[in-house]
């Protein structure tokens, strides 16, 4: 059934709303919540509406728009909701089974892949007696650098999936590869990976025994609790008679299972999303999940209006998506979107008076733009080379996390910067020292940021009186510090910056901007010339990026090898060639 963003629907039915970009789904959701608060007979003083959304930015936006209504609405991310409602009060009941030190848990975080933990895991692997040809031996895995790096890359892909009805851990075998500077490639064979995979829970337990859990662990333990203790579901149902999930296309299979469990009781469940905006495949999200999601007594709705963009931009979006045509709501013709061919900094400067927000596919591109650094050579593996050069774990992490914190604070997120400093041992849980440490580094930024890492190392030692391990003269690590620039490091920082005008496409999700320039590093525009939003996540990513624009849209490509390939785009785009 087609509805408009200001239409009301029955409040006691499960529902699914498909809403394209700019449809006003947040506006619709807030009106629906207000309608429930005003008319529901099932809400008492201690019962709330649960409203789950994907990012903390979206949480803040919804709370602000709810105003005084927010007192009876729990707005949060799914991980925060499950952590505070299930893990924090109940995870002790299954902690021993998983070797989880629940007393040390203090929230959830991104897990660092630590070489020391990988080494210990392989040495103590439960099936180490099977490390025989064609399976690589323990010494081959631990002592040969290419193998170590390949295993490190493999472990970085660790996540959960369902194997029949059970949750298992797995890694992406295609990522078990290391490419040396000379181009030589080292791959770990499948037999070795299959054997290592049988002990992935033991690897996780090395973190769990320290009370460290990540976002996916929150889902894993929540699922285990709900499956084993049905009374916990009844508690959730009693507390939250209404449970709504925004951006449902970005949920992964574990979240879907949990939502289905919650919907089995009296809780009314509603999901809102759009399969064409599913861009989190690396986290297990699947665009088909939204299309196939069904519940008992569920009504289906579609919102086809686009309240955000000009007609010209909507025309581009509709050209990519033939199954779901959006209608003009503002009905403002606007200017023709522009494809700008040439250097990205020149392109940005040319349209600087437009107050552009740039959206890029990769963090490294964003950071190049932020620092206005243009070079033909930027090495993605800078951090890996740093880890390899500096074998002193405490010194290495102090330098890394200090730079992460500095750049995050400079990009406007002081709270997140202080949180990063918690990872440094001598600052952990000491708020006063953390604040002084960070403030001094920001005040004296120019003293170390324009030259080499050795300047930051010296500043931390001499000015802040933190005694890091000495860098021996003529050593490999001292050479690295003296010849690697601070700004080279900064390019690799995945900084969190809500206020910056230069973002990754994923960081822009759920937001909107007047004028956008999408920065591409090649001339591949097949997402426009031959779009496939069903099977190609890269195409969906650029669809999401373009749909953020309200007034003007620019796409920058560095060159154009085949102008004829874009012939069918002339009705939709203007083409500008930079000198």
Protein backbone atom coordinates (compact mmCIF):
# COMPACT_ATOMS: atom_id res chain seq x y z
CA UNK A 1 0.00 0.00 0.00
CA UNK A 2 1.36 3.44 -0.95
CA UNK A 3 1.31 6.11 1.74
CA UNK A 4 2.71 9.64 2.18
CA UNK A 5 5.17 10.70 4.83
CA UNK A 6 2.45 12.44 6.84
CA UNK A 7 -0.05 9.54 6.75
CA UNK A 8 -0.95 7.62 9.92
CA UNK A 9 -1.30 3.83 10.06
CA UNK A 10 -2.86 1.43 12.63
CA UNK A 11 -0.75 1.30 15.80
CA UNK A 12 -1.39 -2.33 16.83
CA UNK A 13 -0.17 -4.07 13.67
CA UNK A 14 3.33 -5.17 12.76
CA UNK A 15 4.48 -3.23 9.72
CA UNK A 16 7.18 -2.84 7.07
CA UNK A 17 7.70 0.50 5.35
CA UNK A 18 9.82 0.77 2.21
CA UNK A 19 10.94 4.37 1.81
CA UNK A 20 13.43 5.64 -0.75
CA UNK A 21 16.08 8.28 -0.03
CA UNK A 22 14.71 11.65 1.03
CA UNK A 23 11.24 10.17 1.56
CA UNK A 24 10.86 11.69 5.02
CA UNK A 25 10.90 8.35 6.83
CA UNK A 26 12.28 9.89 10.04
CA UNK A 27 9.48 12.44 9.90
CA UNK A 28 6.97 9.62 9.35
CA UNK A 29 8.43 7.47 12.15
CA UNK A 30 8.31 10.29 14.68
CA UNK A 31 4.67 11.02 13.78
CA UNK A 32 3.88 7.32 14.21
CA UNK A 33 5.55 7.27 17.64
CA UNK A 34 3.63 10.40 18.71
CA UNK A 35 0.38 8.79 17.50
CA UNK A 36 1.09 5.74 19.71
CA UNK A 37 1.97 7.87 22.72
CA UNK A 38 -1.31 9.74 22.36
CA UNK A 39 -3.62 6.80 21.61
CA UNK A 40 -2.15 3.52 22.86
CA UNK A 41 -3.85 1.78 25.76
CA UNK A 42 -0.84 -0.47 26.37
CA UNK A 43 1.64 2.16 27.52
CA UNK A 44 1.83 2.75 31.23
CA UNK A 45 4.31 4.76 33.27
CA UNK A 46 7.12 2.18 33.12
CA UNK A 47 6.58 0.92 29.56
CA UNK A 48 8.39 2.48 26.63
CA UNK A 49 8.62 2.45 22.86
CA UNK A 50 11.96 1.09 21.64
CA UNK A 51 13.25 2.95 18.59
CA UNK A 52 16.39 1.40 17.11
CA UNK A 53 18.48 3.20 14.53
CA UNK A 54 21.88 2.61 12.99
CA UNK A 55 24.14 5.46 14.16
CA UNK A 56 24.58 7.67 17.21
CA UNK A 57 24.02 10.69 14.94
CA UNK A 58 20.58 9.31 14.03
CA UNK A 59 19.85 8.66 17.73
CA UNK A 60 20.56 12.31 18.52
CA UNK A 61 18.43 13.52 15.59
CA UNK A 62 15.40 11.43 16.56
CA UNK A 63 15.61 12.46 20.23
CA UNK A 64 15.79 16.14 19.25
CA UNK A 65 12.76 15.83 16.95
CA UNK A 66 10.75 13.96 19.56
CA UNK A 67 11.28 16.77 22.07
CA UNK A 68 9.21 16.24 25.22
CA UNK A 69 7.82 12.98 23.77
CA UNK A 70 11.27 11.36 24.14
CA UNK A 71 10.70 10.60 27.85
CA UNK A 72 8.72 7.49 26.96
CA UNK A 73 10.88 6.44 24.02
CA UNK A 74 14.16 4.54 24.23
CA UNK A 75 16.12 5.67 21.18
CA UNK A 76 19.43 3.84 20.70
CA UNK A 77 21.53 1.70 18.40
CA UNK A 78 20.81 -2.03 18.49
CA UNK A 79 24.15 -2.71 20.18
CA UNK A 80 23.53 -0.20 22.97
CA UNK A 81 19.98 -1.44 23.45
CA UNK A 82 21.06 -5.07 23.83
CA UNK A 83 24.09 -4.20 25.96
CA UNK A 84 22.08 -2.30 28.58
CA UNK A 85 18.96 -4.49 28.52
CA UNK A 86 20.57 -7.94 28.28
CA UNK A 87 24.34 -8.12 28.57
CA UNK A 88 24.96 -5.82 31.48
CA UNK A 89 22.37 -7.41 33.79
CA UNK A 90 22.47 -11.05 32.63
CA UNK A 91 25.66 -12.06 30.81
CA UNK A 92 27.17 -13.38 34.06
CA UNK A 93 24.83 -16.38 33.67
CA UNK A 94 26.73 -17.70 30.63
CA UNK A 95 30.13 -16.10 31.27
CA UNK A 96 31.93 -19.21 32.56
CA UNK A 97 30.98 -21.26 29.51
CA UNK A 98 32.71 -18.75 27.22
CA UNK A 99 35.62 -17.78 29.44
CA UNK A 100 34.21 -14.25 29.69
CA UNK A 101 35.50 -12.05 32.50
CA UNK A 102 32.18 -10.22 32.88
CA UNK A 103 33.39 -8.13 35.85
CA UNK A 104 35.90 -6.36 33.59
CA UNK A 105 33.45 -5.54 30.79
CA UNK A 106 33.08 -1.80 30.33
CA UNK A 107 31.05 -1.30 27.19
CA UNK A 108 31.87 -2.63 23.73
CA UNK A 109 34.63 -1.51 21.38
CA UNK A 110 36.47 -2.27 18.17
CA UNK A 111 38.98 -5.06 18.80
CA UNK A 112 42.58 -4.50 17.79
CA UNK A 113 44.16 -7.43 16.03
CA UNK A 114 47.24 -8.03 18.17
CA UNK A 115 50.18 -10.04 16.93
CA UNK A 116 50.86 -11.31 20.44
CA UNK A 117 47.38 -12.76 20.75
CA UNK A 118 47.60 -14.42 17.33
CA UNK A 119 50.96 -15.93 18.35
CA UNK A 120 49.56 -17.26 21.63
CA UNK A 121 46.46 -18.59 19.88
CA UNK A 122 48.47 -20.55 17.30
CA UNK A 123 50.87 -21.89 19.94
CA UNK A 124 47.93 -23.10 22.07
CA UNK A 125 45.60 -24.05 19.20
CA UNK A 126 43.37 -26.98 20.27
CA UNK A 127 44.31 -28.93 17.11
CA UNK A 128 47.98 -27.97 16.88
CA UNK A 129 48.94 -31.66 16.62
CA UNK A 130 47.45 -31.59 13.11
CA UNK A 131 49.88 -28.91 11.87
CA UNK A 132 51.42 -31.27 9.32
CA UNK A 133 51.86 -31.07 5.54
CA UNK A 134 49.99 -29.80 3.53
CA UNK A 135 49.01 -27.71 6.56
CA UNK A 136 51.63 -25.13 7.48
CA UNK A 137 53.58 -25.87 10.64
CA UNK A 138 53.52 -23.68 13.74
CA UNK A 139 57.01 -22.39 12.92
CA UNK A 140 56.03 -21.55 9.34
CA UNK A 141 52.99 -19.60 10.59
CA UNK A 142 54.83 -17.74 13.35
CA UNK A 143 58.34 -17.22 12.02
CA UNK A 144 57.82 -16.37 8.35
CA UNK A 145 56.80 -12.73 8.03
CA UNK A 146 54.62 -13.09 4.88
CA UNK A 147 52.62 -15.87 6.58
CA UNK A 148 52.19 -13.80 9.74
CA UNK A 149 50.92 -10.82 7.76
CA UNK A 150 48.55 -12.96 5.71
CA UNK A 151 47.06 -14.50 8.89
CA UNK A 152 46.75 -11.00 10.37
CA UNK A 153 44.76 -9.84 7.31
CA UNK A 154 42.60 -12.96 7.54
CA UNK A 155 41.80 -12.48 11.23
CA UNK A 156 40.70 -8.90 10.55
CA UNK A 157 37.67 -10.32 8.69
CA UNK A 158 36.50 -12.36 11.71
CA UNK A 159 32.74 -12.33 12.23
CA UNK A 160 29.74 -14.54 13.07
CA UNK A 161 27.32 -16.37 10.81
CA UNK A 162 24.63 -19.00 11.16
CA UNK A 163 25.52 -22.58 10.32
CA UNK A 164 22.08 -24.16 10.29
CA UNK A 165 20.77 -23.01 13.70
CA UNK A 166 24.07 -22.36 15.44
CA UNK A 167 26.24 -19.27 15.40
CA UNK A 168 29.81 -19.91 14.33
CA UNK A 169 32.86 -17.73 13.76
CA UNK A 170 34.44 -17.52 10.34
CA UNK A 171 37.00 -15.49 8.38
CA UNK A 172 37.11 -14.59 4.70
CA UNK A 173 39.68 -16.99 3.21
CA UNK A 174 40.22 -14.72 0.21
CA UNK A 175 41.80 -12.16 2.55
CA UNK A 176 44.49 -14.56 3.84
CA UNK A 177 47.04 -12.99 1.57
CA UNK A 178 50.05 -10.68 1.89
CA UNK A 179 51.46 -8.67 -0.98
CA UNK A 180 55.08 -7.53 -0.59
CA UNK A 181 56.46 -4.25 -1.95
CA UNK A 182 57.99 -6.12 -4.89
CA UNK A 183 54.56 -7.48 -5.82
CA UNK A 184 55.22 -11.04 -4.61
CA UNK A 185 52.03 -12.53 -3.16
CA UNK A 186 51.81 -14.99 -0.28
CA UNK A 187 48.56 -16.91 0.27
CA UNK A 188 47.74 -19.30 3.09
CA UNK A 189 46.39 -22.59 1.75
CA UNK A 190 42.81 -23.67 2.43
CA UNK A 191 43.77 -26.74 4.51
CA UNK A 192 45.66 -24.53 6.95
CA UNK A 193 42.82 -22.00 7.14
CA UNK A 194 40.22 -24.73 7.71
CA UNK A 195 42.26 -26.09 10.61
CA UNK A 196 42.80 -22.66 12.14
CA UNK A 197 39.07 -21.90 11.74
CA UNK A 198 38.19 -24.78 14.05
CA UNK A 199 39.71 -22.82 16.94
CA UNK A 200 38.39 -19.32 16.31
CA UNK A 201 36.40 -19.25 19.55
CA UNK A 202 39.67 -19.87 21.43
CA UNK A 203 41.08 -16.78 19.72
CA UNK A 204 38.04 -14.75 20.84
CA UNK A 205 38.45 -16.01 24.40
CA UNK A 206 41.87 -14.35 24.63
CA UNK A 207 39.97 -11.04 24.53
CA UNK A 208 36.98 -12.20 26.53
CA UNK A 209 39.15 -13.25 29.46
CA UNK A 210 40.25 -9.60 29.68
CA UNK A 211 36.63 -8.38 29.56
CA UNK A 212 36.99 -7.07 25.99
CA UNK A 213 33.97 -7.52 23.71
CA UNK A 214 33.23 -5.95 20.34
CA UNK A 215 29.96 -4.96 18.67
CA UNK A 216 29.41 -8.38 17.13
CA UNK A 217 30.00 -10.05 20.51
CA UNK A 218 27.11 -8.00 21.88
CA UNK A 219 24.84 -9.62 19.29
CA UNK A 220 26.31 -13.08 19.88
CA UNK A 221 25.84 -13.05 23.65
CA UNK A 222 22.38 -11.43 23.38
CA UNK A 223 21.25 -14.18 21.03
CA UNK A 224 22.59 -16.88 23.37
CA UNK A 225 20.80 -15.31 26.36
CA UNK A 226 17.45 -15.02 24.59
CA UNK A 227 17.66 -18.54 23.19
CA UNK A 228 18.45 -20.13 26.56
CA UNK A 229 16.34 -18.01 28.88
CA UNK A 230 12.89 -17.26 27.41
CA UNK A 231 11.94 -15.23 30.50
CA UNK A 232 14.31 -12.51 29.24
CA UNK A 233 12.12 -12.14 26.17
CA UNK A 234 9.10 -11.71 28.42
CA UNK A 235 10.96 -8.97 30.30
CA UNK A 236 11.69 -7.14 27.04
CA UNK A 237 8.10 -7.57 25.85
CA UNK A 238 6.75 -6.24 29.15
CA UNK A 239 9.03 -3.20 29.08
CA UNK A 240 8.76 -2.45 25.33
CA UNK A 241 5.30 -3.17 23.83
CA UNK A 242 6.43 -1.40 20.64
CA UNK A 243 9.76 -2.05 18.92
CA UNK A 244 10.72 -0.13 15.76
CA UNK A 245 13.88 -0.49 13.67
CA UNK A 246 14.98 2.20 11.26
CA UNK A 247 17.50 1.48 8.44
CA UNK A 248 16.48 -2.19 8.62
CA UNK A 249 18.31 -2.97 5.38
CA UNK A 250 21.59 -2.53 7.31
CA UNK A 251 20.84 -5.21 9.90
CA UNK A 252 22.71 -8.51 9.85
CA UNK A 253 21.22 -12.02 10.23
CA UNK A 254 21.82 -12.16 14.02
CA UNK A 255 19.87 -8.94 14.52
CA UNK A 256 17.05 -10.28 12.33
CA UNK A 257 16.87 -13.47 14.45
CA UNK A 258 16.69 -11.40 17.65
CA UNK A 259 13.96 -9.17 16.21
CA UNK A 260 11.95 -12.23 15.17
CA UNK A 261 12.24 -13.58 18.72
CA UNK A 262 11.00 -10.29 20.19
CA UNK A 263 8.05 -10.27 17.75
CA UNK A 264 6.84 -13.71 18.89
CA UNK A 265 5.22 -12.24 21.98
CA UNK A 266 2.91 -9.24 22.38
CA UNK A 267 5.40 -6.63 21.14
CA UNK A 268 4.38 -4.80 17.95
CA UNK A 269 7.38 -4.70 15.60
CA UNK A 270 7.85 -2.25 12.77
CA UNK A 271 10.74 -2.03 10.33
CA UNK A 272 11.61 0.82 7.98
CA UNK A 273 14.20 0.66 5.23
CA UNK A 274 15.11 0.40 1.59
CA UNK A 275 16.97 -2.52 0.02
CA UNK A 276 18.65 -0.20 -2.50
CA UNK A 277 20.39 1.57 0.39
CA UNK A 278 21.94 -1.55 1.91
CA UNK A 279 25.68 -0.77 2.04
CA UNK A 280 27.02 -2.70 5.03
CA UNK A 281 27.75 -6.07 3.45
CA UNK A 282 31.11 -6.19 5.27
CA UNK A 283 29.12 -6.41 8.51
CA UNK A 284 26.88 -9.19 7.24
CA UNK A 285 23.98 -7.05 6.03
CA UNK A 286 22.13 -8.34 2.99
CA UNK A 287 19.77 -6.25 0.87
CA UNK A 288 17.46 -9.26 0.44
CA UNK A 289 16.77 -9.39 4.19
CA UNK A 290 14.52 -6.34 4.03
CA UNK A 291 12.60 -7.65 1.02
CA UNK A 292 12.02 -11.08 2.55
CA UNK A 293 11.29 -10.00 6.14
CA UNK A 294 7.82 -11.13 7.20
CA UNK A 295 5.89 -11.28 10.46
CA UNK A 296 2.41 -12.40 11.41
CA UNK A 297 -0.23 -9.69 11.08
CA UNK A 298 2.19 -7.41 9.18
CA UNK A 299 1.10 -4.58 6.90
CA UNK A 300 3.33 -3.44 4.02
CA UNK A 301 3.67 0.20 2.97
CA UNK A 302 5.68 2.21 0.45
CA UNK A 303 6.58 5.91 0.47
CA UNK A 304 7.48 7.02 -3.07
CA UNK A 305 7.90 10.75 -2.55
CA UNK A 306 11.30 12.46 -2.36
CA UNK A 307 11.15 15.55 -0.17
CA UNK A 308 14.91 16.19 -0.25
CA UNK A 309 16.28 16.60 -3.74
CA UNK A 310 15.64 18.68 -6.84
CA UNK A 311 13.89 17.13 -9.83
CA UNK A 312 17.19 16.85 -11.73
CA UNK A 313 18.81 14.81 -8.96
CA UNK A 314 15.73 12.61 -8.56
CA UNK A 315 15.87 11.93 -12.32
CA UNK A 316 19.41 10.57 -11.88
CA UNK A 317 18.31 8.37 -8.96
CA UNK A 318 15.33 7.05 -10.92
CA UNK A 319 17.57 6.25 -13.89
CA UNK A 320 19.50 3.87 -11.63
CA UNK A 321 16.44 2.23 -10.13
CA UNK A 322 13.65 1.03 -12.33
CA UNK A 323 11.70 -0.93 -9.70
CA UNK A 324 10.93 2.02 -7.42
CA UNK A 325 10.28 5.39 -9.04
CA UNK A 326 10.38 8.39 -6.73
CA UNK A 327 8.03 11.34 -7.16
CA UNK A 328 8.88 15.01 -6.92
CA UNK A 329 7.64 16.59 -3.68
CA UNK A 330 9.54 19.91 -3.67
CA UNK A 331 9.04 20.04 -7.47
CA UNK A 332 12.07 22.31 -7.89
CA UNK A 333 13.78 21.73 -11.25
CA UNK A 334 17.28 22.61 -10.02
CA UNK A 335 20.51 22.53 -11.97
CA UNK A 336 21.80 19.64 -14.04
CA UNK A 337 24.23 17.44 -12.06
CA UNK A 338 27.84 17.80 -13.23
CA UNK A 339 30.58 15.27 -13.96
CA UNK A 340 33.92 17.04 -13.42
CA UNK A 341 36.93 15.43 -15.11
CA UNK A 342 40.32 16.32 -13.61
CA UNK A 343 42.32 16.70 -10.40
CA UNK A 344 40.13 16.43 -7.30
CA UNK A 345 41.64 19.39 -5.43
CA UNK A 346 41.21 21.60 -8.51
CA UNK A 347 37.63 20.34 -8.83
CA UNK A 348 36.88 21.15 -5.19
CA UNK A 349 38.47 24.60 -5.50
CA UNK A 350 36.55 25.36 -8.70
CA UNK A 351 33.23 24.94 -6.89
CA UNK A 352 34.41 26.09 -3.47
CA UNK A 353 31.84 28.90 -3.40
CA UNK A 354 29.12 26.22 -3.48
CA UNK A 355 29.98 25.19 0.13
CA UNK A 356 30.57 21.63 -0.94
CA UNK A 357 30.57 18.48 1.13
CA UNK A 358 32.87 15.88 -0.43
CA UNK A 359 32.02 12.18 -0.20
CA UNK A 360 34.68 9.55 -0.91
CA UNK A 361 34.72 5.79 -0.95
CA UNK A 362 37.82 5.38 1.26
CA UNK A 363 39.13 7.00 4.42
CA UNK A 364 42.54 7.51 2.86
CA UNK A 365 40.99 9.71 0.15
CA UNK A 366 39.09 11.71 2.75
CA UNK A 367 42.24 12.32 4.76
CA UNK A 368 44.23 13.38 1.68
CA UNK A 369 41.56 15.98 1.00
CA UNK A 370 41.38 17.09 4.64
CA UNK A 371 45.11 17.67 4.80
CA UNK A 372 45.23 19.05 1.23
CA UNK A 373 48.06 16.61 0.52
CA UNK A 374 48.47 15.64 -3.11
CA UNK A 375 51.00 13.03 -4.07
CA UNK A 376 51.24 10.23 -6.57
CA UNK A 377 52.41 7.83 -3.85
CA UNK A 378 50.47 7.10 -0.69
CA UNK A 379 50.98 3.73 0.89
CA UNK A 380 47.93 2.03 2.36
CA UNK A 381 50.18 -0.21 4.43
CA UNK A 382 51.89 2.59 6.38
CA UNK A 383 50.50 1.34 9.68
CA UNK A 384 51.59 -2.19 8.87
CA UNK A 385 55.11 -1.01 8.14
CA UNK A 386 55.10 0.94 11.40
CA UNK A 387 54.02 -2.15 13.35
CA UNK A 388 56.71 -4.17 11.64
CA UNK A 389 59.43 -1.59 12.36
CA UNK A 390 58.53 -0.95 16.03
CA UNK A 391 58.51 -4.20 17.98
CA UNK A 392 57.94 -2.43 21.32
CA UNK A 393 54.19 -2.91 21.77
CA UNK A 394 53.62 -0.26 24.46
CA UNK A 395 55.63 2.43 22.63
CA UNK A 396 53.98 1.60 19.31
CA UNK A 397 50.43 1.73 20.65
CA UNK A 398 51.14 4.90 22.61
CA UNK A 399 52.27 6.68 19.43
CA UNK A 400 49.43 5.25 17.31
CA UNK A 401 46.62 5.99 19.75
CA UNK A 402 48.03 9.41 20.56
CA UNK A 403 47.88 10.38 16.88
CA UNK A 404 44.39 8.88 16.51
CA UNK A 405 43.23 10.91 19.53
CA UNK A 406 44.88 14.15 18.35
CA UNK A 407 43.33 14.00 14.88
CA UNK A 408 39.93 12.93 16.18
CA UNK A 409 39.92 15.88 18.61
CA UNK A 410 41.02 18.29 15.88
CA UNK A 411 38.14 17.05 13.75
CA UNK A 412 35.67 18.08 16.43
CA UNK A 413 35.06 14.90 18.43
CA UNK A 414 36.76 15.55 21.78
CA UNK A 415 34.76 12.92 23.64
CA UNK A 416 35.78 10.16 21.22
CA UNK A 417 39.41 11.35 21.45
CA UNK A 418 39.40 10.90 25.23
CA UNK A 419 37.87 7.46 24.76
CA UNK A 420 40.74 6.51 22.43
CA UNK A 421 43.25 7.55 25.10
CA UNK A 422 41.73 4.91 27.40
CA UNK A 423 43.66 2.40 25.32
CA UNK A 424 46.99 3.83 26.52
CA UNK A 425 48.01 2.00 29.68
CA UNK A 426 49.29 4.93 31.76
CA UNK A 427 46.21 7.04 30.92
CA UNK A 428 43.53 4.36 31.30
CA UNK A 429 40.66 5.48 33.52
CA UNK A 430 42.51 8.63 34.65
CA UNK A 431 40.33 11.46 33.38
CA UNK A 432 42.52 14.28 34.68
CA UNK A 433 45.73 12.94 33.11
CA UNK A 434 43.96 12.19 29.82
CA UNK A 435 42.59 15.72 29.57
CA UNK A 436 45.96 17.33 30.36
CA UNK A 437 47.77 15.02 27.94
CA UNK A 438 45.41 15.77 25.06
CA UNK A 439 45.18 19.51 25.76
CA UNK A 440 48.97 19.87 25.75
CA UNK A 441 49.27 17.99 22.45
CA UNK A 442 46.60 20.16 20.83
CA UNK A 443 48.08 23.41 22.14
CA UNK A 444 51.53 22.51 20.78
CA UNK A 445 50.36 20.85 17.57
CA UNK A 446 52.68 22.89 15.36
CA UNK A 447 55.72 21.75 17.33
CA UNK A 448 55.57 18.17 16.04
CA UNK A 449 52.97 17.87 13.26
CA UNK A 450 54.90 19.45 10.38
CA UNK A 451 57.91 17.17 10.42
CA UNK A 452 58.78 13.61 11.40
CA UNK A 453 57.45 11.08 13.96
CA UNK A 454 60.64 11.54 15.97
CA UNK A 455 59.39 15.04 16.89
CA UNK A 456 56.20 13.63 18.41
CA UNK A 457 58.19 10.93 20.20
CA UNK A 458 60.54 13.59 21.64
CA UNK A 459 57.63 15.83 22.64
CA UNK A 460 55.88 13.02 24.52
CA UNK A 461 59.11 12.09 26.33
CA UNK A 462 60.56 15.52 27.10
CA UNK A 463 57.57 17.85 27.40
CA UNK A 464 54.92 15.51 28.77
CA UNK A 465 57.48 13.53 30.78
CA UNK A 466 56.25 10.14 29.56
CA UNK A 467 59.19 7.78 29.44
CA UNK A 468 58.74 5.71 26.32
CA UNK A 469 61.31 3.05 25.53
CA UNK A 470 64.50 4.58 24.10
CA UNK A 471 65.03 4.52 20.34
CA UNK A 472 68.55 3.13 19.94
CA UNK A 473 70.91 4.96 17.61
CA UNK A 474 71.30 3.45 14.14
CA UNK A 475 68.39 1.08 14.80
CA UNK A 476 65.73 0.20 12.26
CA UNK A 477 62.97 1.75 14.34
CA UNK A 478 64.86 5.00 14.92
CA UNK A 479 65.41 5.27 11.17
CA UNK A 480 61.66 4.80 10.66
CA UNK A 481 60.81 7.54 13.19
CA UNK A 482 63.35 9.94 11.69
CA UNK A 483 62.24 9.38 8.10
CA UNK A 484 58.46 9.02 8.37
CA UNK A 485 56.40 12.19 8.41
CA UNK A 486 53.63 12.80 10.92
CA UNK A 487 51.27 13.70 8.06
CA UNK A 488 51.94 10.37 6.35
CA UNK A 489 50.59 8.73 9.47
CA UNK A 490 47.59 11.07 9.61
CA UNK A 491 46.46 10.02 6.13
CA UNK A 492 45.93 6.50 7.49
CA UNK A 493 43.88 7.63 10.48
CA UNK A 494 40.25 6.56 10.33
CA UNK A 495 39.14 9.61 12.27
CA UNK A 496 35.57 10.10 13.44
CA UNK A 497 34.39 13.53 12.41
CA UNK A 498 30.75 14.47 12.35
CA UNK A 499 31.41 18.14 11.56
CA UNK A 500 33.88 17.83 8.69
CA UNK A 501 32.86 18.76 5.16
CA UNK A 502 34.92 15.81 3.89
CA UNK A 503 33.48 12.40 4.70
CA UNK A 504 33.35 8.84 3.55
CA UNK A 505 30.09 7.78 1.92
CA UNK A 506 29.40 5.46 4.85
CA UNK A 507 29.84 8.35 7.30
CA UNK A 508 27.24 10.35 5.38
CA UNK A 509 24.55 7.67 5.67
CA UNK A 510 21.37 9.12 7.15
CA UNK A 511 22.49 12.70 6.54
CA UNK A 512 21.78 15.27 3.83
CA UNK A 513 23.66 18.28 2.43
CA UNK A 514 22.86 21.12 0.06
CA UNK A 515 25.72 20.53 -2.37
CA UNK A 516 27.77 17.34 -2.75
CA UNK A 517 30.84 16.38 -4.74
CA UNK A 518 31.50 12.64 -4.96
CA UNK A 519 35.22 11.96 -5.34
CA UNK A 520 36.23 8.91 -7.38
CA UNK A 521 39.77 7.67 -7.87
CA UNK A 522 39.09 6.24 -11.35
CA UNK A 523 36.80 6.83 -14.33
CA UNK A 524 34.54 3.83 -13.69
CA UNK A 525 30.96 5.15 -13.80
CA UNK A 526 29.20 1.86 -14.46
CA UNK A 527 26.90 2.57 -11.50
CA UNK A 528 25.39 5.20 -13.83
CA UNK A 529 25.81 3.58 -17.23
CA UNK A 530 24.87 0.02 -16.23
CA UNK A 531 23.35 0.15 -12.73
CA UNK A 532 22.57 -3.00 -10.74
CA UNK A 533 21.31 -2.09 -7.27
CA UNK A 534 20.19 -5.63 -6.54
CA UNK A 535 23.46 -7.51 -6.93
CA UNK A 536 26.17 -4.85 -6.76
CA UNK A 537 26.83 -3.20 -3.39
CA UNK A 538 29.30 -0.72 -4.93
CA UNK A 539 26.46 0.61 -7.07
CA UNK A 540 24.24 0.95 -4.00
CA UNK A 541 27.00 2.84 -2.19
CA UNK A 542 27.14 5.49 -4.93
CA UNK A 543 23.33 5.58 -5.11
CA UNK A 544 23.31 6.43 -1.40
CA UNK A 545 26.02 9.07 -1.91
CA UNK A 546 24.15 10.87 -4.71
CA UNK A 547 20.88 10.76 -2.82
CA UNK A 548 22.37 12.86 0.03
CA UNK A 549 22.32 15.98 -2.22
CA UNK A 550 19.49 18.48 -1.88
CA UNK A 551 20.42 21.20 -4.40
CA UNK A 552 23.54 20.43 -6.46
CA UNK A 553 25.38 17.23 -7.30
CA UNK A 554 28.91 16.92 -8.69
CA UNK A 555 30.86 13.75 -9.48
CA UNK A 556 34.63 14.09 -9.87
CA UNK A 557 36.69 11.57 -11.84
CA UNK A 558 40.45 12.07 -12.44
CA UNK A 559 40.37 11.20 -16.15
CA UNK A 560 38.10 9.79 -18.84
CA UNK A 561 39.54 7.12 -21.13
CA UNK A 562 36.41 6.46 -23.14
CA UNK A 563 34.10 9.49 -23.55
CA UNK A 564 31.73 7.49 -25.76
CA UNK A 565 30.88 5.22 -22.81
CA UNK A 566 29.08 8.14 -21.15
CA UNK A 567 27.07 9.14 -24.23
CA UNK A 568 23.76 7.99 -22.70
CA UNK A 569 24.33 10.27 -19.67
CA UNK A 570 24.24 13.53 -21.62
CA UNK A 571 20.55 14.13 -20.86
CA UNK A 572 21.19 13.75 -17.14
CA UNK A 573 24.62 15.36 -16.64
CA UNK A 574 26.73 18.28 -17.74
CA UNK A 575 30.42 17.48 -18.40
CA UNK A 576 33.23 19.81 -17.32
CA UNK A 577 36.88 19.18 -18.26
CA UNK A 578 39.51 20.84 -16.05
CA UNK A 579 42.83 21.99 -17.51
